[in-house]
Amino acid sequence: MGSYADITINGYELESWKNTYHEWYFTKADRVRNIVNEEDTYASENFIGYRSNVATIRRRIQLAGYDLKSVELDFNETRALWIKNMREMLSIHQDDAESKFDSLNFKVSSQLEVVQNASFKEWIAAMPRALALGNSYYEQAFNYQSVYIDNEPLLSLMLSPLYGVYDENLFFSGPVFPCMDMNSYAVILLEVADEDGLCELDINDLVNGGWVDDFEDMAQTQAGETLFHENFMKSLNELSTLNGSMKNETLQKMSFASVITTMEAYLSDTMKKQVFNRHAIKRRFVKHYNLFDKNVKNIKPSEIFEFMDKLDHLLSCEMDKISFHNIETITGLFQNILLCNFPTDKISELSTAVDIRHDIVHRNGKSTDGSIVIVSQQDVVNLLELVQYIIKHIDLQIIDGRLDDSIIE
């Protein structure tokens, strides 16, 4: 006896566990406790677990380095192993004088032809129908009976037992899709699902079975901010207090410039932490940010490991050169590297504020035409509200993409 938990994507099972579970790419903020039927805690309408949408989980898994390119590598490696097994099976029985293996050889050779000829794209294209028909042919496959659908050799294979492949090499999803990694299969399920489809980790059975604790702290859910955001808000509050303490033109200008500097510190710290602590993010940075000159790009194979030893230092030096108050640069950087977007309706206003900050810091408070830059207390208040809104918008995406484990609770 025992209790079970499972992850489903758009209603299709990805993984299941007995007496335990793994949060996978769900976060604490995804927790749901919806008890409709209190008399029957096992009722199907009750739900305790984690719930998010397809678009969010797809983004999280992509940020972890899993996408169609990584899946294709897994697919090709798994398929090659299947082909090897099937050919070995046929070679074992090819000289057998008796006919008792004729039926098996026919099934293996028929499926081998399909496995060899079906492409990665064709397999993905067939996934929606294979998933939809899975329950209809489950009993047939369970009883080790082949499925035959007219003029659909690949679909028939996906719904049938796979012959000639060792059980340990069926890997994660069997004939439905060749892959060794659960995350590869997850990418495919997410690829064929609607953006607003549900991803769920249901632990209701585990809770009722006493294997895990209920979400009794749901009323005290996490505050929802990173440590960098907490520090950012402390700095803004100090500037707000300073700005409101007295009317002084010089003080207002200094406060105005400091708000932009505080924003810059948050953006810089956030980017550096993700690049240095997550391999997939580091790869994105190297790929999208042109930081290496021609000589580095022409590195010799014998110099690769020496180069890798120096990579973090090179990245650190290059990131220190980035102006994290350059709006055009930083919006592109966050979008391409962290898949985080700035609120588009606020960019123009922020750019204007950055220009004013530049005049204050680099032109002694004068604009390009020589006129004095005037900054009032209300101007500082408006900028505080603007920057707070923009950074909160970014920070929520950092949390939502599970880019930061240091969530304040």
Foldseek 3Di string as FASTA:
>chain_A
DFFKKFKDFLRHTLDMDTLDDDCPQFDLVQWDFAPPDPVDLPDPVTFTFGKDFLQLVLLLLVLQPDAPVVLLVQQVVLLVLQLVLLVVVCVVCVPPPDCPCVVLNVLSVLVSVVSVPQHPVNLLVCLVVLRVCQVVLVVCQVVQHFADDPPCSLSSQLNHQHGRHDPVSCARRRSSGRGNDSSSVVNSSSVPDDRGRMIIIGCSRSCVVVSDDGPPCPVVGFPQFFPLLVVLVVVLVVLLCQLPPDWDFLSLLVSLLVNLVSLLVSLLVLLLCLLVPRPSLVVQCPVPPPQDDPVVVPDDPVCVVVCVVCVNVSVVVVSVPDRSLPLVVSQVSCCRRVVAHFDPVLSVVSNVSSQQSCCVPPVVQAHPVGHGHTGGSVNSVVSSVSSSVRVSSRRNSCVSSVSDPRGGD
